[in-house]
Every structure is written in structure tokens, then in C-alpha cells.
C-alpha atoms as a PDB file:
ATOM      1  CA  MET A   1      45.301   1.308   9.466  1.00  0.00           C
ATOM      2  CA  PHE A   2      44.300   4.949   9.908  1.00  0.00           C
ATOM      3  CA  GLN A   3      44.974   5.309  13.787  1.00  0.00           C
ATOM      4  CA  PRO A   4      42.422   8.135  14.247  1.00  0.00           C
ATOM      5  CA  ILE A   5      39.699   5.462  13.425  1.00  0.00           C
ATOM      6  CA  GLY A   6      41.406   1.778  14.347  1.00  0.00           C
ATOM      7  CA  ASN A   7      39.895  -1.038  15.002  1.00  0.00           C
ATOM      8  CA  ASP A   8      37.287   0.248  17.435  1.00  0.00           C
ATOM      9  CA  GLY A   9      36.170   3.088  14.913  1.00  0.00           C
ATOM     10  CA  GLN A  10      36.203   0.160  12.131  1.00  0.00           C
ATOM     11  CA  ARG A  11      33.722  -1.771  14.671  1.00  0.00           C
ATOM     12  CA  LYS A  12      31.255   1.082  15.198  1.00  0.00           C
ATOM     13  CA  LEU A  13      31.125   1.896  11.163  1.00  0.00           C
ATOM     14  CA  SER A  14      29.916  -1.297  10.591  1.00  0.00           C
ATOM     15  CA  GLN A  15      27.566  -0.918  13.222  1.00  0.00           C
ATOM     16  CA  GLY A  16      26.632   1.933  11.995  1.00  0.00           C
ATOM     17  CA  ARG A  17      23.113   3.212   9.928  1.00  0.00           C
ATOM     18  CA  ALA A  18      23.345   5.948   6.982  1.00  0.00           C
ATOM     19  CA  LEU A  19      20.175   7.595   5.599  1.00  0.00           C
ATOM     20  CA  LEU A  20      21.345   9.078   2.142  1.00  0.00           C
ATOM     21  CA  VAL A  21      18.653  11.143   0.269  1.00  0.00           C
ATOM     22  CA  GLY A  22      19.086  11.681  -3.396  1.00  0.00           C
ATOM     23  CA  CYS A  23      21.623   9.227  -5.175  1.00  0.00           C
ATOM     24  CA  GLY A  24      22.618  11.911  -8.263  1.00  0.00           C
ATOM     25  CA  ALA A  25      25.629  13.759  -8.248  1.00  0.00           C
ATOM     26  CA  LEU A  26      26.396  13.919  -4.881  1.00  0.00           C
ATOM     27  CA  GLY A  27      24.690  11.072  -3.476  1.00  0.00           C
ATOM     28  CA  SER A  28      26.078   8.533  -5.838  1.00  0.00           C
ATOM     29  CA  VAL A  29      29.752   9.188  -4.600  1.00  0.00           C
ATOM     30  CA  VAL A  30      28.685   9.623  -1.512  1.00  0.00           C
ATOM     31  CA  ALA A  31      27.087   5.927  -1.384  1.00  0.00           C
ATOM     32  CA  GLU A  32      30.181   4.340  -3.159  1.00  0.00           C
ATOM     33  CA  ILE A  33      32.826   6.019  -0.041  1.00  0.00           C
ATOM     34  CA  LEU A  34      30.914   4.174   2.321  1.00  0.00           C
ATOM     35  CA  CYS A  35      30.162   1.305   1.247  1.00  0.00           C
ATOM     36  CA  ARG A  36      33.651   1.016   0.107  1.00  0.00           C
ATOM     37  CA  ALA A  37      34.488   2.031   3.853  1.00  0.00           C
ATOM     38  CA  GLY A  38      31.965  -0.759   5.008  1.00  0.00           C
ATOM     39  CA  VAL A  39      29.209   1.237   6.752  1.00  0.00           C
ATOM     40  CA  GLY A  40      26.710  -1.274   8.621  1.00  0.00           C
ATOM     41  CA  ARG A  41      23.328   0.127   6.943  1.00  0.00           C
ATOM     42  CA  LEU A  42      22.987   2.084   4.074  1.00  0.00           C
ATOM     43  CA  THR A  43      19.627   2.843   2.862  1.00  0.00           C
ATOM     44  CA  ILE A  44      18.955   5.183  -0.103  1.00  0.00           C
ATOM     45  CA  ALA A  45      16.473   7.252  -1.333  1.00  0.00           C
ATOM     46  CA  ASP A  46      15.977   8.909  -4.248  1.00  0.00           C
ATOM     47  CA  ARG A  47      12.560   9.818  -6.516  1.00  0.00           C
ATOM     48  CA  ASP A  48      14.201   9.721 -10.054  1.00  0.00           C
ATOM     49  CA  TYR A  49      15.469   7.393 -12.428  1.00  0.00           C
ATOM     50  CA  VAL A  50      18.614   7.139 -14.314  1.00  0.00           C
ATOM     51  CA  ASP A  51      19.088   9.725 -17.670  1.00  0.00           C
ATOM     52  CA  GLU A  52      21.673   9.528 -19.918  1.00  0.00           C
ATOM     53  CA  THR A  53      22.571  13.013 -19.119  1.00  0.00           C
ATOM     54  CA  ASN A  54      23.037  12.455 -15.725  1.00  0.00           C
ATOM     55  CA  LEU A  55      25.986   9.920 -16.795  1.00  0.00           C
ATOM     56  CA  GLN A  56      28.761  12.836 -16.886  1.00  0.00           C
ATOM     57  CA  ARG A  57      28.000  13.666 -13.192  1.00  0.00           C
ATOM     58  CA  GLN A  58      26.677  10.494 -12.021  1.00  0.00           C
ATOM     59  CA  SER A  59      29.586   8.045 -11.699  1.00  0.00           C
ATOM     60  CA  LEU A  60      28.113   4.875  -9.776  1.00  0.00           C
ATOM     61  CA  PHE A  61      26.073   4.499 -12.920  1.00  0.00           C
ATOM     62  CA  THR A  62      26.319   3.547 -16.520  1.00  0.00           C
ATOM     63  CA  GLU A  63      25.014   3.366 -19.919  1.00  0.00           C
ATOM     64  CA  ALA A  64      22.719   0.771 -19.209  1.00  0.00           C
ATOM     65  CA  ASP A  65      21.351   1.794 -16.684  1.00  0.00           C
ATOM     66  CA  SER A  66      20.302   4.611 -18.581  1.00  0.00           C
ATOM     67  CA  ARG A  67      18.702   2.217 -21.258  1.00  0.00           C
ATOM     68  CA  ASP A  68      16.794   0.350 -19.134  1.00  0.00           C
ATOM     69  CA  ALA A  69      15.145   3.483 -16.920  1.00  0.00           C
ATOM     70  CA  LEU A  70      16.229   2.371 -14.058  1.00  0.00           C
ATOM     71  CA  PRO A  71      15.237   4.305 -10.938  1.00  0.00           C
ATOM     72  CA  LYS A  72      18.563   5.549  -9.331  1.00  0.00           C
ATOM     73  CA  ALA A  73      17.869   3.720  -6.041  1.00  0.00           C
ATOM     74  CA  VAL A  74      17.699   0.773  -7.323  1.00  0.00           C
ATOM     75  CA  ALA A  75      20.829   1.352 -10.408  1.00  0.00           C
ATOM     76  CA  ALA A  76      22.642   2.061  -7.080  1.00  0.00           C
ATOM     77  CA  VAL A  77      21.981  -0.811  -4.566  1.00  0.00           C
ATOM     78  CA  ARG A  78      22.885  -3.201  -7.867  1.00  0.00           C
ATOM     79  CA  HIS A  79      26.376  -1.460  -8.000  1.00  0.00           C
ATOM     80  CA  LEU A  80      27.072  -1.272  -4.268  1.00  0.00           C
ATOM     81  CA  ARG A  81      26.118  -4.742  -4.468  1.00  0.00           C
ATOM     82  CA  GLU A  82      29.417  -5.882  -6.407  1.00  0.00           C
ATOM     83  CA  ILE A  83      31.548  -3.736  -4.686  1.00  0.00           C
ATOM     84  CA  ASN A  84      30.978  -4.838  -1.070  1.00  0.00           C
ATOM     85  CA  GLY A  85      28.420  -7.302  -0.226  1.00  0.00           C
ATOM     86  CA  ARG A  86      28.739  -7.477   3.847  1.00  0.00           C
ATOM     87  CA  VAL A  87      27.049  -4.235   3.497  1.00  0.00           C
ATOM     88  CA  GLU A  88      23.162  -4.327   3.942  1.00  0.00           C
ATOM     89  CA  LEU A  89      22.009  -1.921   1.465  1.00  0.00           C
ATOM     90  CA  VAL A  90      18.473  -1.039   1.252  1.00  0.00           C
ATOM     91  CA  GLU A  91      16.901   0.744  -1.567  1.00  0.00           C
ATOM     92  CA  ARG A  92      13.734   3.334  -1.820  1.00  0.00           C
ATOM     93  CA  VAL A  93      12.299   5.177  -4.538  1.00  0.00           C
ATOM     94  CA  VAL A  94      10.432   7.581  -2.648  1.00  0.00           C
ATOM     95  CA  ASP A  95      10.118  11.347  -2.545  1.00  0.00           C
ATOM     96  CA  VAL A  96      11.002  12.054   0.174  1.00  0.00           C
ATOM     97  CA  ASN A  97       8.847  14.556   1.939  1.00  0.00           C
ATOM     98  CA  ALA A  98       6.645  15.207   5.079  1.00  0.00           C
ATOM     99  CA  ARG A  99       5.357  12.307   5.062  1.00  0.00           C
ATOM    100  CA  SER A 100       7.340   9.935   4.097  1.00  0.00           C
ATOM    101  CA  VAL A 101      10.775  11.269   5.854  1.00  0.00           C
ATOM    102  CA  GLU A 102       9.213  10.267   9.289  1.00  0.00           C
ATOM    103  CA  ALA A 103      10.166   6.126   8.587  1.00  0.00           C
ATOM    104  CA  LEU A 104      12.993   7.052   7.007  1.00  0.00           C
ATOM    105  CA  ALA A 105      15.215   8.674   9.193  1.00  0.00           C
ATOM    106  CA  VAL A 106      14.447   7.350  12.761  1.00  0.00           C
ATOM    107  CA  GLY A 107      16.505   5.006  13.727  1.00  0.00           C
ATOM    108  CA  GLN A 108      19.582   6.409  11.346  1.00  0.00           C
ATOM    109  CA  ASP A 109      22.673   7.506  12.734  1.00  0.00           C
ATOM    110  CA  ILE A 110      23.230  10.113  10.172  1.00  0.00           C
ATOM    111  CA  ILE A 111      21.365  11.746   7.215  1.00  0.00           C
ATOM    112  CA  LEU A 112      23.495  12.986   3.886  1.00  0.00           C
ATOM    113  CA  ASP A 113      22.420  15.477   2.212  1.00  0.00           C
ATOM    114  CA  GLY A 114      22.454  14.290  -1.845  1.00  0.00           C
ATOM    115  CA  THR A 115      19.472  16.550  -2.910  1.00  0.00           C
ATOM    116  CA  ASP A 116      18.903  19.389  -4.931  1.00  0.00           C
ATOM    117  CA  ASN A 117      16.706  21.772  -3.622  1.00  0.00           C
ATOM    118  CA  PHE A 118      16.579  23.765  -0.195  1.00  0.00           C
ATOM    119  CA  GLU A 119      13.290  22.905   1.111  1.00  0.00           C
ATOM    120  CA  THR A 120      13.924  18.980   1.095  1.00  0.00           C
ATOM    121  CA  ARG A 121      16.986  20.270   3.059  1.00  0.00           C
ATOM    122  CA  PHE A 122      14.982  22.018   5.563  1.00  0.00           C
ATOM    123  CA  LEU A 123      13.102  19.350   5.801  1.00  0.00           C
ATOM    124  CA  LEU A 124      16.192  17.116   6.518  1.00  0.00           C
ATOM    125  CA  ASN A 125      17.201  19.649   8.970  1.00  0.00           C
ATOM    126  CA  ASP A 126      14.055  19.816  10.938  1.00  0.00           C
ATOM    127  CA  ALA A 127      13.812  15.922  10.828  1.00  0.00           C
ATOM    128  CA  SER A 128      17.416  16.191  12.357  1.00  0.00           C
ATOM    129  CA  LEU A 129      16.476  17.979  15.485  1.00  0.00           C
ATOM    130  CA  LYS A 130      13.651  16.381  16.241  1.00  0.00           C
ATOM    131  CA  TRP A 131      14.824  13.087  15.989  1.00  0.00           C
ATOM    132  CA  ASN A 132      18.601  14.122  17.110  1.00  0.00           C
ATOM    133  CA  ILE A 133      20.363  13.044  14.256  1.00  0.00           C
ATOM    134  CA  PRO A 134      23.294  14.666  12.976  1.00  0.00           C
ATOM    135  CA  TRP A 135      23.494  15.286   9.291  1.00  0.00           C
ATOM    136  CA  VAL A 136      25.450  16.888   6.424  1.00  0.00           C
ATOM    137  CA  TYR A 137      24.563  19.302   3.570  1.00  0.00           C
ATOM    138  CA  GLY A 138      26.265  19.622   0.376  1.00  0.00           C
ATOM    139  CA  ALA A 139      25.774  21.173  -2.418  1.00  0.00           C
ATOM    140  CA  CYS A 140      27.730  21.838  -6.171  1.00  0.00           C
ATOM    141  CA  VAL A 141      26.764  23.577  -9.232  1.00  0.00           C
ATOM    142  CA  GLY A 142      28.648  24.553 -11.928  1.00  0.00           C
ATOM    143  CA  SER A 143      32.258  24.329 -10.450  1.00  0.00           C
ATOM    144  CA  TYR A 144      31.399  25.946  -6.919  1.00  0.00           C
ATOM    145  CA  GLY A 145      30.310  23.543  -3.825  1.00  0.00           C
ATOM    146  CA  LEU A 146      30.132  24.012  -0.435  1.00  0.00           C
ATOM    147  CA  CYS A 147      29.663  21.187   2.544  1.00  0.00           C
ATOM    148  CA  LEU A 148      28.853  21.746   6.090  1.00  0.00           C
ATOM    149  CA  ALA A 149      28.252  19.258   9.035  1.00  0.00           C
ATOM    150  CA  PHE A 150      25.257  19.468  12.062  1.00  0.00           C
ATOM    151  CA  VAL A 151      25.062  18.189  15.045  1.00  0.00           C
ATOM    152  CA  PRO A 152      21.942  18.894  16.790  1.00  0.00           C
ATOM    153  CA  GLY A 153      22.272  20.761  20.353  1.00  0.00           C
ATOM    154  CA  HIS A 154      26.259  21.405  19.525  1.00  0.00           C
ATOM    155  CA  ALA A 155      25.819  24.221  16.730  1.00  0.00           C
ATOM    156  CA  PRO A 156      23.856  26.426  14.538  1.00  0.00           C
ATOM    157  CA  CYS A 157      21.171  24.432  12.202  1.00  0.00           C
ATOM    158  CA  LEU A 158      20.371  25.339   8.763  1.00  0.00           C
ATOM    159  CA  ARG A 159      17.712  27.571   9.853  1.00  0.00           C
ATOM    160  CA  CYS A 160      20.070  29.747  11.549  1.00  0.00           C
ATOM    161  CA  VAL A 161      22.526  29.938   8.501  1.00  0.00           C
ATOM    162  CA  LEU A 162      19.570  30.042   5.958  1.00  0.00           C
ATOM    163  CA  GLU A 163      16.535  32.076   7.576  1.00  0.00           C
ATOM    164  CA  GLN A 164      13.945  31.357   4.620  1.00  0.00           C
ATOM    165  CA  LEU A 165      13.741  29.615   1.807  1.00  0.00           C
ATOM    166  CA  PRO A 166      15.680  31.673  -1.097  1.00  0.00           C
ATOM    167  CA  PRO A 167      12.750  32.177  -4.214  1.00  0.00           C
ATOM    168  CA  PRO A 168      12.452  29.501  -6.868  1.00  0.00           C
ATOM    169  CA  GLY A 169      14.745  30.001  -9.838  1.00  0.00           C
ATOM    170  CA  SER A 170      16.660  32.144  -7.415  1.00  0.00           C
ATOM    171  CA  SER A 171      19.560  29.609  -7.488  1.00  0.00           C
ATOM    172  CA  PRO A 172      21.027  27.598 -10.759  1.00  0.00           C
ATOM    173  CA  THR A 173      20.649  24.100 -11.388  1.00  0.00           C
ATOM    174  CA  CYS A 174      22.796  21.551 -13.131  1.00  0.00           C
ATOM    175  CA  ASP A 175      20.157  21.178 -15.562  1.00  0.00           C
ATOM    176  CA  THR A 176      20.300  25.106 -16.421  1.00  0.00           C
ATOM    177  CA  VAL A 177      23.955  25.826 -15.989  1.00  0.00           C
ATOM    178  CA  GLY A 178      25.952  22.665 -15.489  1.00  0.00           C
ATOM    179  CA  VAL A 179      28.047  21.018 -13.645  1.00  0.00           C
ATOM    180  CA  ILE A 180      31.617  19.573 -13.706  1.00  0.00           C
ATOM    181  CA  GLY A 181      32.433  16.342 -12.187  1.00  0.00           C
ATOM    182  CA  PRO A 182      35.978  17.346  -9.860  1.00  0.00           C
ATOM    183  CA  ILE A 183      33.736  19.469  -7.939  1.00  0.00           C
ATOM    184  CA  VAL A 184      30.921  16.981  -7.384  1.00  0.00           C
ATOM    185  CA  HIS A 185      33.440  14.195  -6.168  1.00  0.00           C
ATOM    186  CA  LEU A 186      35.528  16.857  -3.935  1.00  0.00           C
ATOM    187  CA  VAL A 187      32.343  18.112  -1.940  1.00  0.00           C
ATOM    188  CA  ALA A 188      31.107  14.219  -1.844  1.00  0.00           C
ATOM    189  CA  GLY A 189      34.294  13.770  -0.366  1.00  0.00           C
ATOM    190  CA  LEU A 190      33.998  16.303   2.089  1.00  0.00           C
ATOM    191  CA  GLU A 191      30.386  15.114   3.194  1.00  0.00           C
ATOM    192  CA  SER A 192      31.545  11.544   3.155  1.00  0.00           C
ATOM    193  CA  ALA A 193      34.673  12.604   5.264  1.00  0.00           C
ATOM    194  CA  GLU A 194      31.861  14.205   8.244  1.00  0.00           C
ATOM    195  CA  ALA A 195      29.957  11.190   7.506  1.00  0.00           C
ATOM    196  CA  LEU A 196      32.835   8.728   8.309  1.00  0.00           C
ATOM    197  CA  LYS A 197      33.908  10.661  11.498  1.00  0.00           C
ATOM    198  CA  ILE A 198      30.596  11.089  12.637  1.00  0.00           C
ATOM    199  CA  LEU A 199      29.840   7.124  12.907  1.00  0.00           C
ATOM    200  CA  THR A 200      33.139   6.182  14.317  1.00  0.00           C
ATOM    201  CA  GLY A 201      32.699   8.469  16.920  1.00  0.00           C
ATOM    202  CA  ASN A 202      35.443  11.324  16.072  1.00  0.00           C
ATOM    203  CA  LEU A 203      32.932  13.990  16.713  1.00  0.00           C
ATOM    204  CA  LYS A 204      35.812  16.126  18.441  1.00  0.00           C
ATOM    205  CA  GLN A 205      37.178  16.132  14.578  1.00  0.00           C
ATOM    206  CA  LEU A 206      33.650  17.424  13.197  1.00  0.00           C
ATOM    207  CA  ASN A 207      34.240  20.707  11.199  1.00  0.00           C
ATOM    208  CA  HIS A 208      32.323  23.479  12.061  1.00  0.00           C
ATOM    209  CA  LYS A 209      32.867  25.754   9.351  1.00  0.00           C
ATOM    210  CA  LEU A 210      31.050  26.402   6.191  1.00  0.00           C
ATOM    211  CA  VAL A 211      33.409  25.205   3.646  1.00  0.00           C
ATOM    212  CA  THR A 212      33.445  26.621   0.013  1.00  0.00           C
ATOM    213  CA  LEU A 213      34.965  25.600  -3.009  1.00  0.00           C
ATOM    214  CA  ASP A 214      35.638  26.725  -7.106  1.00  0.00           C
ATOM    215  CA  VAL A 215      37.431  24.563  -8.244  1.00  0.00           C
ATOM    216  CA  TRP A 216      37.503  27.033 -11.932  1.00  0.00           C
ATOM    217  CA  GLU A 217      38.223  29.766 -10.167  1.00  0.00           C
ATOM    218  CA  ASN A 218      40.934  28.891  -7.688  1.00  0.00           C
ATOM    219  CA  ARG A 219      39.149  29.585  -4.300  1.00  0.00           C
ATOM    220  CA  ILE A 220      39.020  27.593  -1.219  1.00  0.00           C
ATOM    221  CA  SER A 221      37.745  29.007   2.223  1.00  0.00           C
ATOM    222  CA  SER A 222      35.281  29.047   5.040  1.00  0.00           C
ATOM    223  CA  LEU A 223      33.069  30.621   7.411  1.00  0.00           C
ATOM    224  CA  ASP A 224      33.297  29.643  11.242  1.00  0.00           C
ATOM    225  CA  LEU A 225      29.438  29.485  12.308  1.00  0.00           C
ATOM    226  CA  MET A 226      29.520  28.640  16.043  1.00  0.00           C
ATOM    227  CA  ASN A 227      28.854  32.179  17.053  1.00  0.00           C
ATOM    228  CA  LEU A 228      26.640  33.136  13.823  1.00  0.00           C
ATOM    229  CA  ALA A 229      23.346  33.507  16.135  1.00  0.00           C
ATOM    230  CA  PRO A 230      22.382  32.286  19.423  1.00  0.00           C
ATOM    231  CA  THR A 231      19.959  29.267  19.065  1.00  0.00           C
ATOM    232  CA  GLY A 232      17.352  30.637  21.490  1.00  0.00           C
ATOM    233  CA  GLN A 233      16.273  32.763  18.543  1.00  0.00           C
ATOM    234  CA  CYS A 234      16.007  30.577  15.651  1.00  0.00           C
ATOM    235  CA  PRO A 235      12.301  28.726  14.929  1.00  0.00           C
ATOM    236  CA  ALA A 236      13.919  25.512  14.511  1.00  0.00           C
ATOM    237  CA  CYS A 237      16.621  24.426  16.956  1.00  0.00           C
ATOM    238  CA  GLY A 238      15.340  27.345  19.339  1.00  0.00           C
ATOM    239  CA  GLU A 239      11.971  27.343  19.333  1.00  0.00           C
ATOM    240  CA  ARG A 240      11.833  23.578  18.419  1.00  0.00           C
ATOM    241  CA  LYS A 241       8.945  24.740  15.119  1.00  0.00           C
ATOM    242  CA  PHE A 242       8.869  22.211  12.513  1.00  0.00           C
ATOM    243  CA  ASP A 243       7.469  23.939   9.808  1.00  0.00           C
ATOM    244  CA  PHE A 244       8.617  21.972   6.905  1.00  0.00           C
ATOM    245  CA  LEU A 245       7.781  18.407   9.001  1.00  0.00           C
ATOM    246  CA  GLU A 246       4.234  19.747   9.253  1.00  0.00           C
ATOM    247  CA  GLY A 247       4.553  20.072   5.053  1.00  0.00           C
ATOM    248  CA  GLY A 248       3.472  23.458   4.810  1.00  0.00           C
ATOM    249  CA  HIS A 249       6.042  24.713   2.937  1.00  0.00           C
ATOM    250  CA  GLU A 250       5.685  21.680   0.029  1.00  0.00           C
ATOM    251  CA  ALA A 251       4.766  22.041  -3.370  1.00  0.00           C
ATOM    252  CA  GLN A 252       0.914  21.032  -4.053  1.00  0.00           C
ATOM    253  CA  ALA A 253       0.105  19.989  -7.721  1.00  0.00           C
ATOM    254  CA  ARG A 254      -3.179  19.302  -9.523  1.00  0.00           C
ATOM    255  CA  SER A 255      -4.212  18.364 -12.987  1.00  0.00           C
ATOM    256  CA  LEU A 256      -5.978  20.819 -14.592  1.00  0.00           C
ATOM    257  CA  CYS A 257      -9.484  19.427 -15.675  1.00  0.00           C
ATOM    258  CA  GLY A 258      -9.732  19.401 -19.993  1.00  0.00           C
ATOM    259  CA  ARG A 259      -6.008  20.717 -19.893  1.00  0.00           C
ATOM    260  CA  ASP A 260      -2.732  18.161 -20.917  1.00  0.00           C
ATOM    261  CA  ALA A 261      -1.427  20.193 -17.640  1.00  0.00           C
ATOM    262  CA  VAL A 262      -0.411  20.326 -14.507  1.00  0.00           C
ATOM    263  CA  GLN A 263      -0.343  23.079 -11.550  1.00  0.00           C
ATOM    264  CA  ILE A 264       2.159  23.807  -9.112  1.00  0.00           C
ATOM    265  CA  TRP A 265       1.968  25.909  -6.009  1.00  0.00           C
ATOM    266  CA  ARG A 266       2.697  26.219  -2.651  1.00  0.00           C
ATOM    267  CA  THR A 267       0.991  27.260   0.749  1.00  0.00           C
ATOM    268  CA  THR A 268       3.528  29.562   1.098  1.00  0.00           C
ATOM    269  CA  PRO A 269       4.388  31.343  -2.342  1.00  0.00           C
ATOM    270  CA  ARG A 270       7.587  32.681  -2.631  1.00  0.00           C
ATOM    271  CA  PRO A 271       7.870  35.935  -5.921  1.00  0.00           C
ATOM    272  CA  VAL A 272      10.275  35.037  -8.425  1.00  0.00           C
ATOM    273  CA  ASP A 273      12.830  37.027 -10.069  1.00  0.00           C
ATOM    274  CA  PHE A 274      11.686  36.233 -13.974  1.00  0.00           C
ATOM    275  CA  GLU A 275      15.120  37.576 -15.853  1.00  0.00           C
ATOM    276  CA  SER A 276      17.363  35.791 -13.661  1.00  0.00           C
ATOM    277  CA  ILE A 277      15.404  32.788 -14.975  1.00  0.00           C
ATOM    278  CA  ALA A 278      15.172  33.707 -18.581  1.00  0.00           C
ATOM    279  CA  GLU A 279      18.722  34.410 -18.753  1.00  0.00           C
ATOM    280  CA  ARG A 280      19.366  30.709 -17.502  1.00  0.00           C
ATOM    281  CA  LEU A 281      16.297  28.833 -19.074  1.00  0.00           C
ATOM    282  CA  SER A 282      17.173  30.522 -22.465  1.00  0.00           C
ATOM    283  CA  ARG A 283      20.257  28.381 -23.250  1.00  0.00           C
ATOM    284  CA  LEU A 284      17.980  25.328 -23.294  1.00  0.00           C
ATOM    285  CA  GLY A 285      14.775  26.986 -25.372  1.00  0.00           C
ATOM    286  CA  SER A 286      12.458  29.529 -26.054  1.00  0.00           C
ATOM    287  CA  VAL A 287      11.820  31.993 -23.434  1.00  0.00           C
ATOM    288  CA  ARG A 288       9.866  35.223 -22.928  1.00  0.00           C
ATOM    289  CA  TYR A 289       8.480  37.209 -20.250  1.00  0.00           C
ATOM    290  CA  ASN A 290       6.516  40.100 -19.330  1.00  0.00           C
ATOM    291  CA  ASP A 291       5.690  41.726 -16.055  1.00  0.00           C
ATOM    292  CA  PHE A 292       3.565  38.906 -15.208  1.00  0.00           C
ATOM    293  CA  LEU A 293       3.834  35.434 -16.688  1.00  0.00           C
ATOM    294  CA  LEU A 294       7.342  33.582 -17.734  1.00  0.00           C
ATOM    295  CA  ARG A 295       7.133  31.030 -20.275  1.00  0.00           C
ATOM    296  CA  ALA A 296       9.654  28.775 -21.265  1.00  0.00           C
ATOM    297  CA  GLN A 297      10.079  25.852 -24.008  1.00  0.00           C
ATOM    298  CA  VAL A 298      11.934  22.784 -21.784  1.00  0.00           C
ATOM    299  CA  GLU A 299      12.144  19.685 -23.828  1.00  0.00           C
ATOM    300  CA  ASP A 300       8.496  18.645 -24.587  1.00  0.00           C
ATOM    301  CA  PHE A 301       7.361  21.118 -22.143  1.00  0.00           C
ATOM    302  CA  GLU A 302       6.120  24.300 -21.631  1.00  0.00           C
ATOM    303  CA  ILE A 303       6.561  25.973 -18.305  1.00  0.00           C
ATOM    304  CA  ALA A 304       3.990  28.814 -17.195  1.00  0.00           C
ATOM    305  CA  LEU A 305       5.715  30.726 -14.439  1.00  0.00           C
ATOM    306  CA  PHE A 306       3.267  33.121 -12.214  1.00  0.00           C
ATOM    307  CA  ARG A 307       5.273  36.182  -9.905  1.00  0.00           C
ATOM    308  CA  ASP A 308       4.041  34.232  -6.616  1.00  0.00           C
ATOM    309  CA  GLY A 309       6.064  30.907  -7.915  1.00  0.00           C
ATOM    310  CA  ARG A 310       3.160  29.437  -9.222  1.00  0.00           C
ATOM    311  CA  GLY A 311       2.874  27.103 -11.978  1.00  0.00           C
ATOM    312  CA  ILE A 312       1.777  25.489 -15.057  1.00  0.00           C
ATOM    313  CA  VAL A 313       3.477  22.218 -16.887  1.00  0.00           C
ATOM    314  CA  ARG A 314       2.046  22.155 -20.217  1.00  0.00           C
ATOM    315  CA  GLY A 315       2.545  18.643 -22.116  1.00  0.00           C
ATOM    316  CA  THR A 316       1.942  16.218 -18.702  1.00  0.00           C
ATOM    317  CA  ARG A 317      -1.349  14.901 -16.880  1.00  0.00           C
ATOM    318  CA  ASP A 318       1.332  13.149 -14.562  1.00  0.00           C
ATOM    319  CA  LEU A 319       1.733  15.178 -11.098  1.00  0.00           C
ATOM    320  CA  ASN A 320       5.073  13.447 -10.358  1.00  0.00           C
ATOM    321  CA  GLU A 321       6.518  14.308 -13.900  1.00  0.00           C
ATOM    322  CA  ALA A 322       4.874  17.954 -13.839  1.00  0.00           C
ATOM    323  CA  GLN A 323       7.007  18.175 -10.045  1.00  0.00           C
ATOM    324  CA  ARG A 324       9.461  16.615 -11.781  1.00  0.00           C
ATOM    325  CA  ILE A 325      10.346  19.011 -14.602  1.00  0.00           C
ATOM    326  CA  TYR A 326       9.252  22.571 -12.415  1.00  0.00           C
ATOM    327  CA  ALA A 327      11.940  21.375  -9.280  1.00  0.00           C
ATOM    328  CA  LYS A 328      14.680  20.511 -12.672  1.00  0.00           C
ATOM    329  CA  TYR A 329      14.308  23.874 -14.070  1.00  0.00           C
ATOM    330  CA  ILE A 330      12.633  26.428 -12.041  1.00  0.00           C
ATOM    331  CA  GLY A 331      13.974  24.682  -8.542  1.00  0.00           C
ATOM    332  CA  ASN A 332      12.102  24.154  -5.153  1.00  0.00           C
END
């Protein structure tokens, strides 16, 4: 009955294929909106499991999901099937990286960002450009959030907006500074609106501006990026160099022989700011640092962080768990 969509748009939506990468705070809300709207097929890819501390911001999940330690993709699909049984739902419990992204992305009509790190977003940007798939970027932390839609060939890409990855620990995370529910739902609503425009064929209605909001400081603004930079100068959309698809920026992990610890490093080191990281992590446990090394106690683990971003997570020999702890408290 909404005339800009109408019967024709609803029919296109029912045939649409969407990939949601990350089903945490933003992802769980986006998934529910698209499922209720009647998207044809929704693939949910997430590497994590539901934790009790997630529930204040991840509205699709329940305490039972947390008690059962269900993977987020599995729990999400179970709930969504109860909401709209006509949507084809695909769960993928997987780390979305340079090795796994092609099998997930090829054949999709849109990619939606429910991630919590820039490394994966740059990877999605490469995937979008290589396989000509629109994608929608969204992020929120504290009371602040932002959203931006990308259509290959029609506007600047994420590499045009952010030329380089921010250093590890330079951006706050929900686990270090918190996040409130209203900003999650606002940003997820903006993402979903852009997704509906794309999936129903209303590309002229897309918002090519970067929208930022702070619900606590009462600020809403937008920045037109169409004339940001000539796309020919961008390594991704201009020169079509897909560095992140090639895996050159991904974190590597290795268990340290004879020690209950895992080392994490990157092929492209990036210097970190110990002072800002210490300020955030000191709320969660003891932190001390000098000119060369930062050591932080979080949960049952100790993170030793070096100036080049290399880290050692003590308290586990599990590579995946160590990477999860590093990403959760330091970032990617």
C-alpha cells in the first residue's frame, strides 16, 4: 500500500537476495525489518555466539539463546522463521574474510553491514566493486551512529571516504564504551530503508550522503560525498586493486609453543595509541603500559599489545577465541 513500492516493488522484494554480514546489534534489527518486509532470501553470516551481555542491544535474541550459547546466525534464523515463514533464510556460522566472502557474496542483490570493524567493511567494499553488488554501511557506538549506501559506478566507494584502515584501538567499541538501544534502531532503520530502495528498484531515491546522528547530544547531520574525489584516483573503485579481497590486511594468529597464549599480528602493521586504549580498557580491568607495551586484564585473559598493533592474548590456545578477544577489546 506504500505507493513508492507498490505491487511491482513488493514483487521485486520477494525475489531479492540479501547478504547480512554480522548479526549483532545492527544486524539483528536489520534482519527482522527485512524479514517482516518480505525479502525473498536472506543469508545471515556471523562468527559469534549470543552472550547475555549482548541482550540489551541485540533485540532479536533472548536469554534462552544466551543460556544455550547459540551461534547468532542460528538463533536469528530460528526467530525469523517464526516471524515470516515465507522468507528463505540461510544461516552461515562463519568468519567473513578474504577466503569465505566470495561464496557468500556472489549472486546476492545487496550486502548489508552488521559488522563491528573496518577491516571487514573494507573487504565488503572490495566485494561490492568486484562483483557489482550494492552495499550499505552502518555503524554505531555509544549514542552515535552513521549510515551510507554504496552503488558501484554511481558514487564514491568506502576507500574514497576512508583511504586507509584506522589503527587498531583508535575507534571505541560497544564493549569498551557501551551503546544505547535507540541509536542501534535508528541506524538499522536507515540501513533497512536504503536496502528497501535498492531491492525494490528505487535507486533514484537512494541517499548518497553520509548521515550521522547522536541521540544523546541531539545532533543530526549529513555530508554530500558525490564530489569527494575523482574515482579514478581511488585504488579500489578507480584502479580496481582489491587489496582486502587478496587477504593482505587480515590478522594472522599463531599459538605460542609451550605457553597458554596466542599471538596476533597483521601483514601490514599499523601503530597504535596506548593512551587512548588504556583510557577505555581501564573501566574493565587493570591496565598498565610503557613506551613499548600495553598490558590489560579483561575477562579471564591478558592482552599484551605492542606499538605496531601486534598482540598476545594469554589465557587461551584457541586461535578463534584469541582473535575474538582481540577484536572485541582492541578492534580490527
